[in-house]
Amino acid sequence: MGIKITCISDTHNQHKKIVVPKSDIIIHAGDFTSRGYSGEVEDFLKWFSKQNATHKVLVLGNHEVELSKKPFQEIRQLVKDHGIILLHNSHVVVAGLKIYGSPFSTEFGNGWAYNANEKLLAQMYKDIEPDIDILVTHGPAKGRLDLCPGGNVGSQSLADWINNFSWRLKLHVTGHIHESRGTLFNGKYLTVNAAICGIPYADLLTNPITVEI
């Protein structure tokens, strides 16, 4: 019997409407708030901490703007105090699975958190250890559930790293592009765009995607 993983992302303060099944690991791939205000963050963390999963893994997203302005040690402690694992260009091993998480996505617009150009993203991604089982990034890889009215807007640098360096990857959990929510298997690993909200964000699109690996 495999390990049951619940995948969610882009809940944008709508988290209390979601029906979350019991699982071994729950992963949130970022954008749990509208702007990262303290009240939004605290409300989400309290909810997330109560979900019926042995391990709770979180990355931040571009909408966590105000939160991102705080010292990182303060952010990490806040999340840890709720019994949640925060991944920020870092990895953890839970349930025998090595998980790497990053809040970054490709640049767009102004005033968002954790945006970077492809050169900076490539520098970040080269430090990912190649033996990870699960990759969690707020922004998708180019050509992998990243299609929106502006085209395929995922990171080419991330796609290159996955194609050239990962050899044990089983699951990539992402979000950010609400229009491309769903799953895609390429014969080697499963990509899950776990965006919950539609557009506008107040519309609840669907419940979590649960997989077993």
Foldseek 3Di string as FASTA:
>chain_A
DFFKEWEAEQLALVVVVFDDDAGAEYEYQENQHQAQDPVSVVVVLLVQLPDRYNAYEYEYEFNNQVVVVDPVVVVQVVSVVSVHHYADLDWDADPNFIEHEHHAWDDDDDRTPRHDHQVVVLVSLVPDQQAGAEYRYAFAAFPALQQDPVGRRGHPSVVCCCVPRHDNYAEYEYEPRQVSADWDDDPRYIYGHNYQAHPVRVHGRHHIDMDTD
